Amino acid sequence: MSFLKRLFGLGGGEASPKGEADAPTVEIAGHVVRATPYKDAGQWQLCGVVSKTIDGVAKEHRFVRADRFVDRDTAIEMSFVKGRLLVEQLGDRLYD
């Protein structure tokens, strides 16, 4: 049964220990990148959220990448790197 849970994403991962609300953030060109890695199969999955307020409306783009890391700090650092790439490559089009 656990194989099927992992295959279909049913309750497989643990949340970040501090929770998504307390996730570390960095501002990049007016966008806020929040690192939200989660533990899955003994490693930390790269995950994050890029957000920005445009014309008074809060916009948000969530991303998850296949990259996994042994420690949470590396996963956080790489979430910022991936978030920066998204902002540099797409800018405000990220929220379309």
PDB file of N, CA and C in Angstrom:
ATOM      1  N   MET A   1       0.815  -1.196   0.000  1.00  0.00           N
ATOM      2  CA  MET A   1       0.000   0.000   0.000  1.00  0.00           C
ATOM      3  C   MET A   1       0.859   1.260   0.000  1.00  0.00           C
ATOM      4  N   SER A   2       1.995   1.260   0.689  1.00  0.00           N
ATOM      5  CA  SER A   2       2.827   2.454   0.732  1.00  0.00           C
ATOM      6  C   SER A   2       3.374   2.802  -0.648  1.00  0.00           C
ATOM      7  N   PHE A   3       3.615   1.791  -1.475  1.00  0.00           N
ATOM      8  CA  PHE A   3       4.063   2.050  -2.838  1.00  0.00           C
ATOM      9  C   PHE A   3       3.016   2.852  -3.592  1.00  0.00           C
ATOM     10  N   LEU A   4       1.756   2.482  -3.447  1.00  0.00           N
ATOM     11  CA  LEU A   4       0.676   3.190  -4.129  1.00  0.00           C
ATOM     12  C   LEU A   4       0.512   4.607  -3.595  1.00  0.00           C
ATOM     13  N   LYS A   5       0.713   4.773  -2.299  1.00  0.00           N
ATOM     14  CA  LYS A   5       0.637   6.118  -1.720  1.00  0.00           C
ATOM     15  C   LYS A   5       1.692   7.031  -2.333  1.00  0.00           C
ATOM     16  N   ARG A   6       2.914   6.524  -2.440  1.00  0.00           N
ATOM     17  CA  ARG A   6       3.981   7.324  -3.032  1.00  0.00           C
ATOM     18  C   ARG A   6       3.716   7.568  -4.510  1.00  0.00           C
ATOM     19  N   LEU A   7       3.232   6.550  -5.209  1.00  0.00           N
ATOM     20  CA  LEU A   7       2.988   6.658  -6.639  1.00  0.00           C
ATOM     21  C   LEU A   7       1.933   7.714  -6.950  1.00  0.00           C
ATOM     22  N   PHE A   8       0.879   7.755  -6.162  1.00  0.00           N
ATOM     23  CA  PHE A   8      -0.206   8.687  -6.419  1.00  0.00           C
ATOM     24  C   PHE A   8      -0.181   9.911  -5.519  1.00  0.00           C
ATOM     25  N   GLY A   9       0.858  10.063  -4.713  1.00  0.00           N
ATOM     26  CA  GLY A   9       1.004  11.244  -3.872  1.00  0.00           C
ATOM     27  C   GLY A   9      -0.001  11.326  -2.738  1.00  0.00           C
ATOM     28  N   LEU A  10      -0.406  10.210  -2.204  1.00  0.00           N
ATOM     29  CA  LEU A  10      -1.391  10.195  -1.123  1.00  0.00           C
ATOM     30  C   LEU A  10      -0.697  10.187   0.233  1.00  0.00           C
ATOM     31  N   GLY A  11      -0.540  11.350   0.815  1.00  0.00           N
ATOM     32  CA  GLY A  11       0.000  11.451   2.168  1.00  0.00           C
ATOM     33  C   GLY A  11       1.433  11.008   2.299  1.00  0.00           C
ATOM     34  N   GLY A  12       2.240  11.141   1.235  1.00  0.00           N
ATOM     35  CA  GLY A  12       3.592  10.622   1.270  1.00  0.00           C
ATOM     36  C   GLY A  12       4.619  11.489   1.950  1.00  0.00           C
ATOM     37  N   GLY A  13       4.472  12.811   1.919  1.00  0.00           N
ATOM     38  CA  GLY A  13       5.547  13.665   2.395  1.00  0.00           C
ATOM     39  C   GLY A  13       5.250  14.325   3.719  1.00  0.00           C
ATOM     40  N   GLU A  14       6.325  14.721   4.405  1.00  0.00           N
ATOM     41  CA  GLU A  14       6.201  15.471   5.647  1.00  0.00           C
ATOM     42  C   GLU A  14       6.333  16.946   5.325  1.00  0.00           C
ATOM     43  N   ALA A  15       5.645  17.766   6.056  1.00  0.00           N
ATOM     44  CA  ALA A  15       5.760  19.210   5.877  1.00  0.00           C
ATOM     45  C   ALA A  15       7.100  19.681   6.426  1.00  0.00           C
ATOM     46  N   SER A  16       7.469  20.870   6.017  1.00  0.00           N
ATOM     47  CA  SER A  16       8.648  21.507   6.583  1.00  0.00           C
ATOM     48  C   SER A  16       8.462  21.605   8.089  1.00  0.00           C
ATOM     49  N   PRO A  17       9.512  21.385   8.900  1.00  0.00           N
ATOM     50  CA  PRO A  17       9.347  21.366  10.349  1.00  0.00           C
ATOM     51  C   PRO A  17       8.742  22.643  10.913  1.00  0.00           C
ATOM     52  N   LYS A  18       9.032  23.777  10.317  1.00  0.00           N
ATOM     53  CA  LYS A  18       8.498  25.029  10.821  1.00  0.00           C
ATOM     54  C   LYS A  18       7.139  25.349  10.201  1.00  0.00           C
ATOM     55  N   GLY A  19       6.733  24.630   9.196  1.00  0.00           N
ATOM     56  CA  GLY A  19       5.478  24.924   8.517  1.00  0.00           C
ATOM     57  C   GLY A  19       5.699  25.944   7.414  1.00  0.00           C
ATOM     58  N   GLU A  20       4.798  25.987   6.477  1.00  0.00           N
ATOM     59  CA  GLU A  20       4.960  26.866   5.327  1.00  0.00           C
ATOM     60  C   GLU A  20       4.865  28.339   5.711  1.00  0.00           C
ATOM     61  N   ALA A  21       4.076  28.676   6.716  1.00  0.00           N
ATOM     62  CA  ALA A  21       3.914  30.071   7.129  1.00  0.00           C
ATOM     63  C   ALA A  21       5.223  30.653   7.667  1.00  0.00           C
ATOM     64  N   ASP A  22       6.057  29.826   8.288  1.00  0.00           N
ATOM     65  CA  ASP A  22       7.324  30.286   8.855  1.00  0.00           C
ATOM     66  C   ASP A  22       8.508  30.007   7.934  1.00  0.00           C
ATOM     67  N   ALA A  23       8.233  29.680   6.685  1.00  0.00           N
ATOM     68  CA  ALA A  23       9.293  29.305   5.748  1.00  0.00           C
ATOM     69  C   ALA A  23      10.217  30.492   5.481  1.00  0.00           C
ATOM     70  N   PRO A  24      11.504  30.220   5.284  1.00  0.00           N
ATOM     71  CA  PRO A  24      12.449  31.297   4.983  1.00  0.00           C
ATOM     72  C   PRO A  24      12.121  31.938   3.633  1.00  0.00           C
ATOM     73  N   THR A  25      12.322  33.252   3.547  1.00  0.00           N
ATOM     74  CA  THR A  25      12.020  33.976   2.312  1.00  0.00           C
ATOM     75  C   THR A  25      13.193  34.844   1.894  1.00  0.00           C
ATOM     76  N   VAL A  26      13.175  35.211   0.622  1.00  0.00           N
ATOM     77  CA  VAL A  26      14.136  36.159   0.080  1.00  0.00           C
ATOM     78  C   VAL A  26      13.411  36.970  -0.981  1.00  0.00           C
ATOM     79  N   GLU A  27      13.729  38.257  -1.074  1.00  0.00           N
ATOM     80  CA  GLU A  27      13.115  39.107  -2.092  1.00  0.00           C
ATOM     81  C   GLU A  27      14.039  39.200  -3.294  1.00  0.00           C
ATOM     82  N   ILE A  28      13.464  39.001  -4.476  1.00  0.00           N
ATOM     83  CA  ILE A  28      14.222  39.044  -5.722  1.00  0.00           C
ATOM     84  C   ILE A  28      13.441  39.886  -6.714  1.00  0.00           C
ATOM     85  N   ALA A  29      13.940  41.055  -7.046  1.00  0.00           N
ATOM     86  CA  ALA A  29      13.352  41.947  -8.047  1.00  0.00           C
ATOM     87  C   ALA A  29      11.865  42.189  -7.804  1.00  0.00           C
ATOM     88  N   GLY A  30      11.485  42.439  -6.555  1.00  0.00           N
ATOM     89  CA  GLY A  30      10.098  42.729  -6.222  1.00  0.00           C
ATOM     90  C   GLY A  30       9.224  41.505  -5.986  1.00  0.00           C
ATOM     91  N   HIS A  31       9.759  40.331  -6.193  1.00  0.00           N
ATOM     92  CA  HIS A  31       9.048  39.087  -5.944  1.00  0.00           C
ATOM     93  C   HIS A  31       9.563  38.496  -4.632  1.00  0.00           C
ATOM     94  N   VAL A  32       8.718  37.802  -3.905  1.00  0.00           N
ATOM     95  CA  VAL A  32       9.137  37.131  -2.683  1.00  0.00           C
ATOM     96  C   VAL A  32       9.191  35.636  -2.970  1.00  0.00           C
ATOM     97  N   VAL A  33      10.356  35.048  -2.746  1.00  0.00           N
ATOM     98  CA  VAL A  33      10.521  33.605  -2.925  1.00  0.00           C
ATOM     99  C   VAL A  33      10.542  32.977  -1.541  1.00  0.00           C
ATOM    100  N   ARG A  34       9.622  32.035  -1.320  1.00  0.00           N
ATOM    101  CA  ARG A  34       9.515  31.337  -0.032  1.00  0.00           C
ATOM    102  C   ARG A  34       9.905  29.880  -0.257  1.00  0.00           C
ATOM    103  N   ALA A  35      10.911  29.414   0.471  1.00  0.00           N
ATOM    104  CA  ALA A  35      11.373  28.026   0.364  1.00  0.00           C
ATOM    105  C   ALA A  35      10.499  27.150   1.246  1.00  0.00           C
ATOM    106  N   THR A  36       9.899  26.111   0.645  1.00  0.00           N
ATOM    107  CA  THR A  36       9.013  25.217   1.403  1.00  0.00           C
ATOM    108  C   THR A  36       9.357  23.750   1.132  1.00  0.00           C
ATOM    109  N   PRO A  37      10.624  23.370   1.295  1.00  0.00           N
ATOM    110  CA  PRO A  37      10.973  21.970   1.038  1.00  0.00           C
ATOM    111  C   PRO A  37      10.256  21.039   2.019  1.00  0.00           C
ATOM    112  N   TYR A  38      10.035  19.822   1.586  1.00  0.00           N
ATOM    113  CA  TYR A  38       9.388  18.835   2.457  1.00  0.00           C
ATOM    114  C   TYR A  38      10.153  17.522   2.383  1.00  0.00           C
ATOM    115  N   LYS A  39      10.064  16.767   3.457  1.00  0.00           N
ATOM    116  CA  LYS A  39      10.792  15.518   3.552  1.00  0.00           C
ATOM    117  C   LYS A  39       9.978  14.402   2.904  1.00  0.00           C
ATOM    118  N   ASP A  40      10.626  13.644   2.031  1.00  0.00           N
ATOM    119  CA  ASP A  40       9.979  12.536   1.347  1.00  0.00           C
ATOM    120  C   ASP A  40      11.018  11.452   1.102  1.00  0.00           C
ATOM    121  N   ALA A  41      10.725  10.253   1.504  1.00  0.00           N
ATOM    122  CA  ALA A  41      11.618   9.102   1.310  1.00  0.00           C
ATOM    123  C   ALA A  41      13.013   9.373   1.877  1.00  0.00           C
ATOM    124  N   GLY A  42      13.066  10.053   3.021  1.00  0.00           N
ATOM    125  CA  GLY A  42      14.336  10.277   3.704  1.00  0.00           C
ATOM    126  C   GLY A  42      15.170  11.421   3.163  1.00  0.00           C
ATOM    127  N   GLN A  43      14.673  12.136   2.156  1.00  0.00           N
ATOM    128  CA  GLN A  43      15.401  13.278   1.603  1.00  0.00           C
ATOM    129  C   GLN A  43      14.469  14.481   1.524  1.00  0.00           C
ATOM    130  N   TRP A  44      15.046  15.653   1.315  1.00  0.00           N
ATOM    131  CA  TRP A  44      14.286  16.890   1.231  1.00  0.00           C
ATOM    132  C   TRP A  44      14.016  17.226  -0.227  1.00  0.00           C
ATOM    133  N   GLN A  45      12.740  17.330  -0.575  1.00  0.00           N
ATOM    134  CA  GLN A  45      12.293  17.649  -1.929  1.00  0.00           C
ATOM    135  C   GLN A  45      12.310  19.158  -2.129  1.00  0.00           C
ATOM    136  N   LEU A  46      12.873  19.620  -3.242  1.00  0.00           N
ATOM    137  CA  LEU A  46      12.924  21.044  -3.544  1.00  0.00           C
ATOM    138  C   LEU A  46      11.527  21.547  -3.881  1.00  0.00           C
ATOM    139  N   CYS A  47      11.094  22.582  -3.174  1.00  0.00           N
ATOM    140  CA  CYS A  47       9.745  23.109  -3.340  1.00  0.00           C
ATOM    141  C   CYS A  47       9.746  24.560  -2.875  1.00  0.00           C
ATOM    142  N   GLY A  48       8.912  25.398  -3.501  1.00  0.00           N
ATOM    143  CA  GLY A  48       8.842  26.782  -3.074  1.00  0.00           C
ATOM    144  C   GLY A  48       7.660  27.517  -3.670  1.00  0.00           C
ATOM    145  N   VAL A  49       7.544  28.786  -3.290  1.00  0.00           N
ATOM    146  CA  VAL A  49       6.462  29.647  -3.760  1.00  0.00           C
ATOM    147  C   VAL A  49       7.071  30.994  -4.114  1.00  0.00           C
ATOM    148  N   VAL A  50       6.689  31.507  -5.292  1.00  0.00           N
ATOM    149  CA  VAL A  50       7.087  32.854  -5.698  1.00  0.00           C
ATOM    150  C   VAL A  50       5.814  33.683  -5.665  1.00  0.00           C
ATOM    151  N   SER A  51       5.853  34.852  -5.026  1.00  0.00           N
ATOM    152  CA  SER A  51       4.658  35.682  -4.933  1.00  0.00           C
ATOM    153  C   SER A  51       4.991  37.155  -5.151  1.00  0.00           C
ATOM    154  N   LYS A  52       3.943  37.898  -5.551  1.00  0.00           N
ATOM    155  CA  LYS A  52       4.085  39.331  -5.774  1.00  0.00           C
ATOM    156  C   LYS A  52       2.694  39.944  -5.796  1.00  0.00           C
ATOM    157  N   THR A  53       2.568  41.161  -5.298  1.00  0.00           N
ATOM    158  CA  THR A  53       1.312  41.887  -5.381  1.00  0.00           C
ATOM    159  C   THR A  53       1.345  42.747  -6.631  1.00  0.00           C
ATOM    160  N   ILE A  54       0.379  42.493  -7.525  1.00  0.00           N
ATOM    161  CA  ILE A  54       0.299  43.215  -8.799  1.00  0.00           C
ATOM    162  C   ILE A  54      -1.063  43.893  -8.865  1.00  0.00           C
ATOM    163  N   ASP A  55      -1.069  45.218  -9.010  1.00  0.00           N
ATOM    164  CA  ASP A  55      -2.309  45.996  -9.052  1.00  0.00           C
ATOM    165  C   ASP A  55      -3.209  45.693  -7.861  1.00  0.00           C
ATOM    166  N   GLY A  56      -2.613  45.545  -6.689  1.00  0.00           N
ATOM    167  CA  GLY A  56      -3.364  45.309  -5.467  1.00  0.00           C
ATOM    168  C   GLY A  56      -3.850  43.877  -5.271  1.00  0.00           C
ATOM    169  N   VAL A  57      -3.473  42.988  -6.182  1.00  0.00           N
ATOM    170  CA  VAL A  57      -3.895  41.586  -6.091  1.00  0.00           C
ATOM    171  C   VAL A  57      -2.672  40.714  -5.815  1.00  0.00           C
ATOM    172  N   ALA A  58      -2.745  39.900  -4.776  1.00  0.00           N
ATOM    173  CA  ALA A  58      -1.641  38.998  -4.447  1.00  0.00           C
ATOM    174  C   ALA A  58      -1.637  37.824  -5.424  1.00  0.00           C
ATOM    175  N   LYS A  59      -0.522  37.654  -6.113  1.00  0.00           N
ATOM    176  CA  LYS A  59      -0.357  36.556  -7.072  1.00  0.00           C
ATOM    177  C   LYS A  59       0.660  35.580  -6.497  1.00  0.00           C
ATOM    178  N   GLU A  60       0.514  34.303  -6.840  1.00  0.00           N
ATOM    179  CA  GLU A  60       1.386  33.275  -6.282  1.00  0.00           C
ATOM    180  C   GLU A  60       1.601  32.167  -7.301  1.00  0.00           C
ATOM    181  N   HIS A  61       2.837  31.675  -7.357  1.00  0.00           N
ATOM    182  CA  HIS A  61       3.172  30.542  -8.224  1.00  0.00           C
ATOM    183  C   HIS A  61       3.948  29.526  -7.392  1.00  0.00           C
ATOM    184  N   ARG A  62       3.414  28.319  -7.281  1.00  0.00           N
ATOM    185  CA  ARG A  62       4.088  27.252  -6.535  1.00  0.00           C
ATOM    186  C   ARG A  62       4.913  26.418  -7.505  1.00  0.00           C
ATOM    187  N   PHE A  63       6.069  25.975  -7.035  1.00  0.00           N
ATOM    188  CA  PHE A  63       6.898  25.105  -7.864  1.00  0.00           C
ATOM    189  C   PHE A  63       7.463  23.959  -7.040  1.00  0.00           C
ATOM    190  N   VAL A  64       7.563  22.817  -7.678  1.00  0.00           N
ATOM    191  CA  VAL A  64       8.183  21.626  -7.093  1.00  0.00           C
ATOM    192  C   VAL A  64       9.116  21.077  -8.157  1.00  0.00           C
ATOM    193  N   ARG A  65      10.322  20.760  -7.794  1.00  0.00           N
ATOM    194  CA  ARG A  65      11.290  20.209  -8.736  1.00  0.00           C
ATOM    195  C   ARG A  65      11.670  18.801  -8.294  1.00  0.00           C
ATOM    196  N   ALA A  66      12.223  18.053  -9.199  1.00  0.00           N
ATOM    197  CA  ALA A  66      12.601  16.669  -8.926  1.00  0.00           C
ATOM    198  C   ALA A  66      13.826  16.559  -8.026  1.00  0.00           C
ATOM    199  N   ASP A  67      14.530  17.664  -7.848  1.00  0.00           N
ATOM    200  CA  ASP A  67      15.757  17.651  -7.047  1.00  0.00           C
ATOM    201  C   ASP A  67      15.468  17.282  -5.601  1.00  0.00           C
ATOM    202  N   ARG A  68      16.311  16.421  -5.050  1.00  0.00           N
ATOM    203  CA  ARG A  68      16.223  16.029  -3.630  1.00  0.00           C
ATOM    204  C   ARG A  68      17.590  16.183  -2.990  1.00  0.00           C
ATOM    205  N   PHE A  69      17.566  16.503  -1.692  1.00  0.00           N
ATOM    206  CA  PHE A  69      18.802  16.773  -0.968  1.00  0.00           C
ATOM    207  C   PHE A  69      18.782  16.070   0.383  1.00  0.00           C
ATOM    208  N   VAL A  70      19.960  15.794   0.897  1.00  0.00           N
ATOM    209  CA  VAL A  70      20.091  15.099   2.174  1.00  0.00           C
ATOM    210  C   VAL A  70      19.700  16.003   3.335  1.00  0.00           C
ATOM    211  N   ASP A  71      20.019  17.298   3.240  1.00  0.00           N
ATOM    212  CA  ASP A  71      19.715  18.190   4.357  1.00  0.00           C
ATOM    213  C   ASP A  71      18.779  19.324   3.924  1.00  0.00           C
ATOM    214  N   ARG A  72      18.034  19.823   4.886  1.00  0.00           N
ATOM    215  CA  ARG A  72      17.029  20.864   4.639  1.00  0.00           C
ATOM    216  C   ARG A  72      17.664  22.178   4.198  1.00  0.00           C
ATOM    217  N   ASP A  73      18.789  22.550   4.780  1.00  0.00           N
ATOM    218  CA  ASP A  73      19.431  23.819   4.440  1.00  0.00           C
ATOM    219  C   ASP A  73      19.816  23.895   2.959  1.00  0.00           C
ATOM    220  N   THR A  74      20.317  22.803   2.417  1.00  0.00           N
ATOM    221  CA  THR A  74      20.663  22.776   0.994  1.00  0.00           C
ATOM    222  C   THR A  74      19.406  22.883   0.146  1.00  0.00           C
ATOM    223  N   ALA A  75      18.342  22.205   0.560  1.00  0.00           N
ATOM    224  CA  ALA A  75      17.076  22.280  -0.179  1.00  0.00           C
ATOM    225  C   ALA A  75      16.531  23.706  -0.171  1.00  0.00           C
ATOM    226  N   ILE A  76      16.662  24.405   0.941  1.00  0.00           N
ATOM    227  CA  ILE A  76      16.224  25.802   1.027  1.00  0.00           C
ATOM    228  C   ILE A  76      17.051  26.670   0.088  1.00  0.00           C
ATOM    229  N   GLU A  77      18.368  26.515   0.155  1.00  0.00           N
ATOM    230  CA  GLU A  77      19.261  27.300  -0.696  1.00  0.00           C
ATOM    231  C   GLU A  77      18.939  27.088  -2.182  1.00  0.00           C
ATOM    232  N   MET A  78      18.727  25.847  -2.565  1.00  0.00           N
ATOM    233  CA  MET A  78      18.441  25.546  -3.964  1.00  0.00           C
ATOM    234  C   MET A  78      17.031  26.010  -4.359  1.00  0.00           C
ATOM    235  N   SER A  79      16.093  26.071  -3.423  1.00  0.00           N
ATOM    236  CA  SER A  79      14.767  26.623  -3.705  1.00  0.00           C
ATOM    237  C   SER A  79      14.881  28.099  -4.075  1.00  0.00           C
ATOM    238  N   PHE A  80      15.769  28.808  -3.392  1.00  0.00           N
ATOM    239  CA  PHE A  80      16.010  30.211  -3.726  1.00  0.00           C
ATOM    240  C   PHE A  80      16.646  30.347  -5.109  1.00  0.00           C
ATOM    241  N   VAL A  81      17.570  29.464  -5.429  1.00  0.00           N
ATOM    242  CA  VAL A  81      18.212  29.490  -6.750  1.00  0.00           C
ATOM    243  C   VAL A  81      17.170  29.264  -7.845  1.00  0.00           C
ATOM    244  N   LYS A  82      16.325  28.243  -7.676  1.00  0.00           N
ATOM    245  CA  LYS A  82      15.289  27.946  -8.677  1.00  0.00           C
ATOM    246  C   LYS A  82      14.273  29.079  -8.756  1.00  0.00           C
ATOM    247  N   GLY A  83      13.907  29.652  -7.614  1.00  0.00           N
ATOM    248  CA  GLY A  83      12.984  30.778  -7.604  1.00  0.00           C
ATOM    249  C   GLY A  83      13.559  31.974  -8.342  1.00  0.00           C
ATOM    250  N   ARG A  84      14.847  32.238  -8.140  1.00  0.00           N
ATOM    251  CA  ARG A  84      15.517  33.343  -8.837  1.00  0.00           C
ATOM    252  C   ARG A  84      15.479  33.118 -10.347  1.00  0.00           C
ATOM    253  N   LEU A  85      15.734  31.890 -10.779  1.00  0.00           N
ATOM    254  CA  LEU A  85      15.680  31.581 -12.210  1.00  0.00           C
ATOM    255  C   LEU A  85      14.285  31.833 -12.776  1.00  0.00           C
ATOM    256  N   LEU A  86      13.255  31.420 -12.057  1.00  0.00           N
ATOM    257  CA  LEU A  86      11.884  31.658 -12.514  1.00  0.00           C
ATOM    258  C   LEU A  86      11.606  33.150 -12.670  1.00  0.00           C
ATOM    259  N   VAL A  87      12.012  33.938 -11.689  1.00  0.00           N
ATOM    260  CA  VAL A  87      11.793  35.384 -11.734  1.00  0.00           C
ATOM    261  C   VAL A  87      12.579  36.008 -12.881  1.00  0.00           C
ATOM    262  N   GLU A  88      13.839  35.633 -13.048  1.00  0.00           N
ATOM    263  CA  GLU A  88      14.675  36.202 -14.102  1.00  0.00           C
ATOM    264  C   GLU A  88      14.172  35.822 -15.496  1.00  0.00           C
ATOM    265  N   GLN A  89      13.692  34.599 -15.655  1.00  0.00           N
ATOM    266  CA  GLN A  89      13.282  34.119 -16.960  1.00  0.00           C
ATOM    267  C   GLN A  89      11.858  34.560 -17.339  1.00  0.00           C
ATOM    268  N   LEU A  90      10.954  34.613 -16.351  1.00  0.00           N
ATOM    269  CA  LEU A  90       9.548  34.876 -16.664  1.00  0.00           C
ATOM    270  C   LEU A  90       9.002  36.199 -16.123  1.00  0.00           C
ATOM    271  N   GLY A  91       9.607  36.715 -15.075  1.00  0.00           N
ATOM    272  CA  GLY A  91       9.102  37.967 -14.490  1.00  0.00           C
ATOM    273  C   GLY A  91       7.639  37.839 -14.105  1.00  0.00           C
ATOM    274  N   ASP A  92       6.838  38.858 -14.412  1.00  0.00           N
ATOM    275  CA  ASP A  92       5.422  38.873 -14.037  1.00  0.00           C
ATOM    276  C   ASP A  92       4.597  37.861 -14.852  1.00  0.00           C
ATOM    277  N   ARG A  93       5.120  37.384 -15.982  1.00  0.00           N
ATOM    278  CA  ARG A  93       4.405  36.354 -16.756  1.00  0.00           C
ATOM    279  C   ARG A  93       4.271  35.045 -15.973  1.00  0.00           C
ATOM    280  N   LEU A  94       5.036  34.909 -14.927  1.00  0.00           N
ATOM    281  CA  LEU A  94       4.988  33.721 -14.072  1.00  0.00           C
ATOM    282  C   LEU A  94       3.580  33.502 -13.504  1.00  0.00           C
ATOM    283  N   TYR A  95       2.819  34.569 -13.354  1.00  0.00           N
ATOM    284  CA  TYR A  95       1.511  34.483 -12.715  1.00  0.00           C
ATOM    285  C   TYR A  95       0.350  34.376 -13.703  1.00  0.00           C
ATOM    286  N   ASP A  96       0.644  34.323 -14.985  1.00  0.00           N
ATOM    287  CA  ASP A  96      -0.433  34.212 -16.011  1.00  0.00           C
ATOM    288  C   ASP A  96      -1.034  32.847 -16.036  1.00  0.00           C
TER     289      ASP A  96
END
